[in-house]
Amino acid sequence: MVVIRDERNTMTDAPHTHGYIEGKDRVLARLRRIEGQVRGIHRMVDEEKYCIDILTQVSATTKALESVALGLLDDHLSHCVADAVREGGQVADEKLTEASDAIARLVRS
């Protein structure tokens, strides 16, 4: 449980949900398509397809994963981080540092 302040700024106990929950089905569907893309790449290598064709599929799969990651990051910032900032204090500092670290990992990858 997480303590959340409602519109009257009174504290209420509410179960904490992750930012992506509302779009969970969409995220899962996208991940299933990516999984299919990876299986397709595996099949292409197994069938000894042309290198450039395989690389094209790897690039498309990488972009699809990046898209999922950016969507999850956006959900995290607008939900989890925003809630922590409203709460303030150390919780806010920790969530901001966590988000900054996640962005840095995405940029490096």
N, C-alpha and C. Protein backbone atom coordinates (compact mmCIF):
# COMPACT_ATOMS: atom_id res chain seq x y z
N MET A 1 0.83 -1.19 0.00
CA MET A 1 0.00 0.00 0.00
C MET A 1 0.87 1.24 0.00
N VAL A 2 0.35 2.25 -0.64
CA VAL A 2 1.02 3.52 -0.72
C VAL A 2 0.04 4.58 -0.25
N VAL A 3 0.53 5.57 0.44
CA VAL A 3 -0.33 6.65 0.88
C VAL A 3 -0.37 7.68 -0.24
N ILE A 4 -1.59 8.01 -0.66
CA ILE A 4 -1.78 8.97 -1.74
C ILE A 4 -2.67 10.09 -1.23
N ARG A 5 -2.37 11.29 -1.64
CA ARG A 5 -3.22 12.42 -1.27
C ARG A 5 -4.28 12.59 -2.36
N ASP A 6 -5.54 12.75 -1.94
CA ASP A 6 -6.59 12.94 -2.93
C ASP A 6 -6.72 14.42 -3.27
N GLU A 7 -7.75 14.77 -4.06
CA GLU A 7 -7.89 16.15 -4.53
C GLU A 7 -8.06 17.16 -3.40
N ARG A 8 -8.49 16.73 -2.23
CA ARG A 8 -8.62 17.63 -1.06
C ARG A 8 -7.35 17.63 -0.23
N ASN A 9 -6.30 16.98 -0.73
CA ASN A 9 -5.01 16.89 -0.06
C ASN A 9 -5.09 16.11 1.25
N THR A 10 -6.04 15.18 1.32
CA THR A 10 -6.11 14.30 2.48
C THR A 10 -5.49 12.98 2.10
N MET A 11 -4.87 12.34 3.09
CA MET A 11 -4.16 11.10 2.80
C MET A 11 -5.12 9.93 2.78
N THR A 12 -4.96 9.07 1.76
CA THR A 12 -5.78 7.87 1.66
C THR A 12 -4.87 6.69 1.38
N ASP A 13 -5.26 5.52 1.84
CA ASP A 13 -4.53 4.31 1.51
C ASP A 13 -5.08 3.81 0.18
N ALA A 14 -4.20 3.64 -0.77
CA ALA A 14 -4.61 3.14 -2.08
C ALA A 14 -3.57 2.15 -2.56
N PRO A 15 -4.00 1.09 -3.22
CA PRO A 15 -3.01 0.15 -3.75
C PRO A 15 -2.20 0.84 -4.84
N HIS A 16 -0.90 0.62 -4.83
CA HIS A 16 -0.04 1.22 -5.84
C HIS A 16 -0.11 0.38 -7.11
N THR A 17 -0.36 1.05 -8.22
CA THR A 17 -0.35 0.36 -9.51
C THR A 17 0.73 0.99 -10.38
N HIS A 18 1.23 0.22 -11.27
CA HIS A 18 2.27 0.70 -12.18
C HIS A 18 1.62 1.49 -13.31
N GLY A 19 2.38 2.42 -13.87
CA GLY A 19 1.85 3.31 -14.90
C GLY A 19 1.36 2.61 -16.16
N TYR A 20 1.91 1.46 -16.49
CA TYR A 20 1.56 0.78 -17.73
C TYR A 20 0.30 -0.08 -17.61
N ILE A 21 -0.27 -0.20 -16.41
CA ILE A 21 -1.38 -1.12 -16.19
C ILE A 21 -2.55 -0.86 -17.14
N GLU A 22 -2.88 0.41 -17.36
CA GLU A 22 -4.02 0.71 -18.24
C GLU A 22 -3.76 0.22 -19.66
N GLY A 23 -2.52 0.22 -20.10
CA GLY A 23 -2.18 -0.23 -21.44
C GLY A 23 -1.50 -1.58 -21.47
N LYS A 24 -1.67 -2.36 -20.39
CA LYS A 24 -0.97 -3.64 -20.26
C LYS A 24 -1.25 -4.57 -21.45
N ASP A 25 -2.49 -4.67 -21.86
CA ASP A 25 -2.83 -5.56 -22.98
C ASP A 25 -2.11 -5.12 -24.26
N ARG A 26 -2.03 -3.82 -24.47
CA ARG A 26 -1.33 -3.28 -25.64
C ARG A 26 0.15 -3.60 -25.58
N VAL A 27 0.76 -3.44 -24.41
CA VAL A 27 2.19 -3.75 -24.24
C VAL A 27 2.43 -5.24 -24.47
N LEU A 28 1.59 -6.08 -23.90
CA LEU A 28 1.76 -7.53 -24.07
C LEU A 28 1.60 -7.94 -25.53
N ALA A 29 0.64 -7.33 -26.23
CA ALA A 29 0.45 -7.65 -27.65
C ALA A 29 1.68 -7.25 -28.45
N ARG A 30 2.23 -6.09 -28.13
CA ARG A 30 3.44 -5.63 -28.83
C ARG A 30 4.61 -6.57 -28.55
N LEU A 31 4.75 -7.01 -27.31
CA LEU A 31 5.84 -7.93 -26.96
C LEU A 31 5.67 -9.29 -27.66
N ARG A 32 4.43 -9.73 -27.83
CA ARG A 32 4.20 -10.98 -28.57
C ARG A 32 4.63 -10.83 -30.03
N ARG A 33 4.34 -9.66 -30.62
CA ARG A 33 4.77 -9.44 -32.01
C ARG A 33 6.29 -9.41 -32.09
N ILE A 34 6.93 -8.79 -31.11
CA ILE A 34 8.40 -8.75 -31.09
C ILE A 34 8.96 -10.15 -30.93
N GLU A 35 8.34 -10.93 -30.07
CA GLU A 35 8.76 -12.32 -29.90
C GLU A 35 8.68 -13.08 -31.23
N GLY A 36 7.63 -12.83 -31.99
CA GLY A 36 7.50 -13.44 -33.31
C GLY A 36 8.59 -12.97 -34.27
N GLN A 37 8.94 -11.68 -34.16
CA GLN A 37 10.03 -11.16 -34.99
C GLN A 37 11.34 -11.87 -34.66
N VAL A 38 11.61 -12.08 -33.39
CA VAL A 38 12.85 -12.75 -32.98
C VAL A 38 12.86 -14.19 -33.48
N ARG A 39 11.72 -14.87 -33.39
CA ARG A 39 11.65 -16.23 -33.93
C ARG A 39 11.90 -16.23 -35.43
N GLY A 40 11.40 -15.20 -36.11
CA GLY A 40 11.62 -15.07 -37.55
C GLY A 40 13.09 -14.88 -37.87
N ILE A 41 13.79 -14.08 -37.06
CA ILE A 41 15.23 -13.89 -37.26
C ILE A 41 15.95 -15.21 -37.06
N HIS A 42 15.57 -15.93 -36.04
CA HIS A 42 16.18 -17.25 -35.77
C HIS A 42 16.00 -18.17 -36.98
N ARG A 43 14.79 -18.17 -37.51
CA ARG A 43 14.49 -19.01 -38.68
C ARG A 43 15.31 -18.56 -39.89
N MET A 44 15.46 -17.24 -40.07
CA MET A 44 16.25 -16.73 -41.20
C MET A 44 17.71 -17.19 -41.11
N VAL A 45 18.27 -17.15 -39.90
CA VAL A 45 19.66 -17.61 -39.73
C VAL A 45 19.73 -19.11 -39.99
N ASP A 46 18.77 -19.84 -39.44
CA ASP A 46 18.74 -21.29 -39.64
C ASP A 46 18.65 -21.65 -41.12
N GLU A 47 17.89 -20.86 -41.87
CA GLU A 47 17.73 -21.11 -43.31
C GLU A 47 18.80 -20.43 -44.15
N GLU A 48 19.78 -19.83 -43.49
CA GLU A 48 20.93 -19.19 -44.13
C GLU A 48 20.51 -18.12 -45.14
N LYS A 49 19.61 -17.24 -44.71
CA LYS A 49 19.16 -16.14 -45.54
C LYS A 49 20.27 -15.10 -45.68
N TYR A 50 20.09 -14.17 -46.60
CA TYR A 50 21.06 -13.13 -46.90
C TYR A 50 21.29 -12.24 -45.67
N CYS A 51 22.56 -11.96 -45.38
CA CYS A 51 22.95 -11.21 -44.19
C CYS A 51 22.19 -9.88 -44.04
N ILE A 52 22.10 -9.13 -45.10
CA ILE A 52 21.45 -7.82 -45.04
C ILE A 52 19.98 -7.96 -44.69
N ASP A 53 19.33 -8.98 -45.20
CA ASP A 53 17.92 -9.21 -44.86
C ASP A 53 17.77 -9.51 -43.37
N ILE A 54 18.68 -10.28 -42.82
CA ILE A 54 18.65 -10.59 -41.39
C ILE A 54 18.90 -9.31 -40.58
N LEU A 55 19.90 -8.54 -40.99
CA LEU A 55 20.20 -7.29 -40.29
C LEU A 55 19.03 -6.32 -40.33
N THR A 56 18.31 -6.30 -41.44
CA THR A 56 17.12 -5.44 -41.55
C THR A 56 16.08 -5.85 -40.51
N GLN A 57 15.89 -7.15 -40.34
CA GLN A 57 14.93 -7.64 -39.35
C GLN A 57 15.41 -7.37 -37.92
N VAL A 58 16.71 -7.50 -37.69
CA VAL A 58 17.26 -7.19 -36.36
C VAL A 58 17.02 -5.72 -36.04
N SER A 59 17.24 -4.86 -37.02
CA SER A 59 17.02 -3.43 -36.83
C SER A 59 15.56 -3.13 -36.51
N ALA A 60 14.65 -3.75 -37.24
CA ALA A 60 13.22 -3.54 -37.00
C ALA A 60 12.83 -4.02 -35.60
N THR A 61 13.38 -5.14 -35.18
CA THR A 61 13.08 -5.67 -33.85
C THR A 61 13.64 -4.77 -32.76
N THR A 62 14.85 -4.27 -32.99
CA THR A 62 15.46 -3.35 -32.03
C THR A 62 14.60 -2.10 -31.88
N LYS A 63 14.14 -1.54 -32.99
CA LYS A 63 13.29 -0.34 -32.94
C LYS A 63 11.98 -0.64 -32.22
N ALA A 64 11.42 -1.82 -32.43
CA ALA A 64 10.18 -2.19 -31.76
C ALA A 64 10.39 -2.28 -30.25
N LEU A 65 11.51 -2.86 -29.82
CA LEU A 65 11.82 -2.93 -28.39
C LEU A 65 12.05 -1.54 -27.81
N GLU A 66 12.73 -0.69 -28.56
CA GLU A 66 12.95 0.69 -28.11
C GLU A 66 11.61 1.41 -27.94
N SER A 67 10.69 1.16 -28.84
CA SER A 67 9.36 1.77 -28.75
C SER A 67 8.64 1.33 -27.49
N VAL A 68 8.71 0.04 -27.18
CA VAL A 68 8.11 -0.46 -25.93
C VAL A 68 8.78 0.20 -24.73
N ALA A 69 10.10 0.27 -24.75
CA ALA A 69 10.84 0.87 -23.63
C ALA A 69 10.45 2.33 -23.43
N LEU A 70 10.35 3.08 -24.51
CA LEU A 70 9.98 4.49 -24.39
C LEU A 70 8.56 4.66 -23.88
N GLY A 71 7.67 3.79 -24.31
CA GLY A 71 6.30 3.84 -23.80
C GLY A 71 6.24 3.54 -22.31
N LEU A 72 7.00 2.53 -21.87
CA LEU A 72 7.04 2.21 -20.45
C LEU A 72 7.67 3.35 -19.65
N LEU A 73 8.71 3.97 -20.20
CA LEU A 73 9.34 5.10 -19.54
C LEU A 73 8.36 6.26 -19.41
N ASP A 74 7.64 6.54 -20.47
CA ASP A 74 6.65 7.62 -20.44
C ASP A 74 5.58 7.35 -19.38
N ASP A 75 5.08 6.11 -19.35
CA ASP A 75 4.10 5.73 -18.33
C ASP A 75 4.69 5.88 -16.93
N HIS A 76 5.93 5.47 -16.75
CA HIS A 76 6.58 5.55 -15.44
C HIS A 76 6.71 7.01 -15.00
N LEU A 77 7.13 7.87 -15.91
CA LEU A 77 7.30 9.27 -15.56
C LEU A 77 5.96 9.93 -15.24
N SER A 78 4.96 9.67 -16.04
CA SER A 78 3.68 10.35 -15.84
C SER A 78 2.85 9.76 -14.70
N HIS A 79 3.20 8.58 -14.26
CA HIS A 79 2.43 7.96 -13.18
C HIS A 79 3.27 7.83 -11.91
N CYS A 80 4.24 6.95 -11.92
CA CYS A 80 5.02 6.64 -10.72
C CYS A 80 5.85 7.83 -10.23
N VAL A 81 6.56 8.47 -11.16
CA VAL A 81 7.41 9.60 -10.76
C VAL A 81 6.54 10.79 -10.37
N ALA A 82 5.49 11.06 -11.14
CA ALA A 82 4.60 12.18 -10.81
C ALA A 82 3.98 12.00 -9.43
N ASP A 83 3.55 10.77 -9.11
CA ASP A 83 2.99 10.51 -7.77
C ASP A 83 4.04 10.76 -6.68
N ALA A 84 5.26 10.32 -6.92
CA ALA A 84 6.33 10.50 -5.93
C ALA A 84 6.66 11.97 -5.76
N VAL A 85 6.66 12.72 -6.83
CA VAL A 85 6.94 14.16 -6.74
C VAL A 85 5.85 14.86 -5.94
N ARG A 86 4.61 14.47 -6.14
CA ARG A 86 3.52 15.05 -5.34
C ARG A 86 3.71 14.73 -3.86
N GLU A 87 4.21 13.52 -3.58
CA GLU A 87 4.46 13.12 -2.19
C GLU A 87 5.64 13.90 -1.62
N GLY A 88 6.65 14.12 -2.44
CA GLY A 88 7.80 14.92 -2.04
C GLY A 88 8.82 14.14 -1.22
N GLY A 89 9.80 14.85 -0.73
CA GLY A 89 10.81 14.29 0.15
C GLY A 89 11.72 13.27 -0.51
N GLN A 90 12.18 12.33 0.30
CA GLN A 90 13.13 11.33 -0.16
C GLN A 90 12.53 10.42 -1.22
N VAL A 91 11.25 10.12 -1.12
CA VAL A 91 10.59 9.27 -2.11
C VAL A 91 10.71 9.91 -3.50
N ALA A 92 10.47 11.21 -3.57
CA ALA A 92 10.58 11.91 -4.85
C ALA A 92 12.02 11.87 -5.37
N ASP A 93 12.97 12.13 -4.49
CA ASP A 93 14.37 12.10 -4.90
C ASP A 93 14.76 10.73 -5.44
N GLU A 94 14.32 9.66 -4.75
CA GLU A 94 14.65 8.31 -5.18
C GLU A 94 14.04 7.98 -6.55
N LYS A 95 12.77 8.36 -6.74
CA LYS A 95 12.11 8.08 -8.03
C LYS A 95 12.75 8.87 -9.15
N LEU A 96 13.14 10.10 -8.90
CA LEU A 96 13.79 10.90 -9.94
C LEU A 96 15.16 10.31 -10.30
N THR A 97 15.91 9.89 -9.30
CA THR A 97 17.20 9.25 -9.56
C THR A 97 17.01 7.96 -10.33
N GLU A 98 16.04 7.17 -9.92
CA GLU A 98 15.74 5.90 -10.60
C GLU A 98 15.38 6.15 -12.07
N ALA A 99 14.55 7.16 -12.33
CA ALA A 99 14.15 7.47 -13.70
C ALA A 99 15.35 7.97 -14.51
N SER A 100 16.16 8.79 -13.91
CA SER A 100 17.36 9.30 -14.59
C SER A 100 18.30 8.16 -14.96
N ASP A 101 18.48 7.23 -14.04
CA ASP A 101 19.34 6.06 -14.31
C ASP A 101 18.77 5.20 -15.44
N ALA A 102 17.44 5.03 -15.46
CA ALA A 102 16.81 4.23 -16.51
C ALA A 102 16.99 4.91 -17.86
N ILE A 103 16.85 6.23 -17.90
CA ILE A 103 17.06 6.96 -19.15
C ILE A 103 18.49 6.79 -19.62
N ALA A 104 19.43 6.89 -18.70
CA ALA A 104 20.84 6.73 -19.06
C ALA A 104 21.11 5.33 -19.64
N ARG A 105 20.48 4.30 -19.06
CA ARG A 105 20.65 2.94 -19.59
C ARG A 105 20.07 2.82 -21.00
N LEU A 106 18.93 3.46 -21.24
CA LEU A 106 18.31 3.40 -22.56
C LEU A 106 19.16 4.13 -23.59
N VAL A 107 19.74 5.24 -23.20
CA VAL A 107 20.57 6.02 -24.12
C VAL A 107 21.84 5.26 -24.48
N ARG A 108 22.41 4.56 -23.50
CA ARG A 108 23.65 3.80 -23.75
C ARG A 108 23.40 2.57 -24.60
N SER A 109 22.21 2.02 -24.56
CA SER A 109 21.96 0.76 -25.28
C SER A 109 21.77 0.95 -26.76
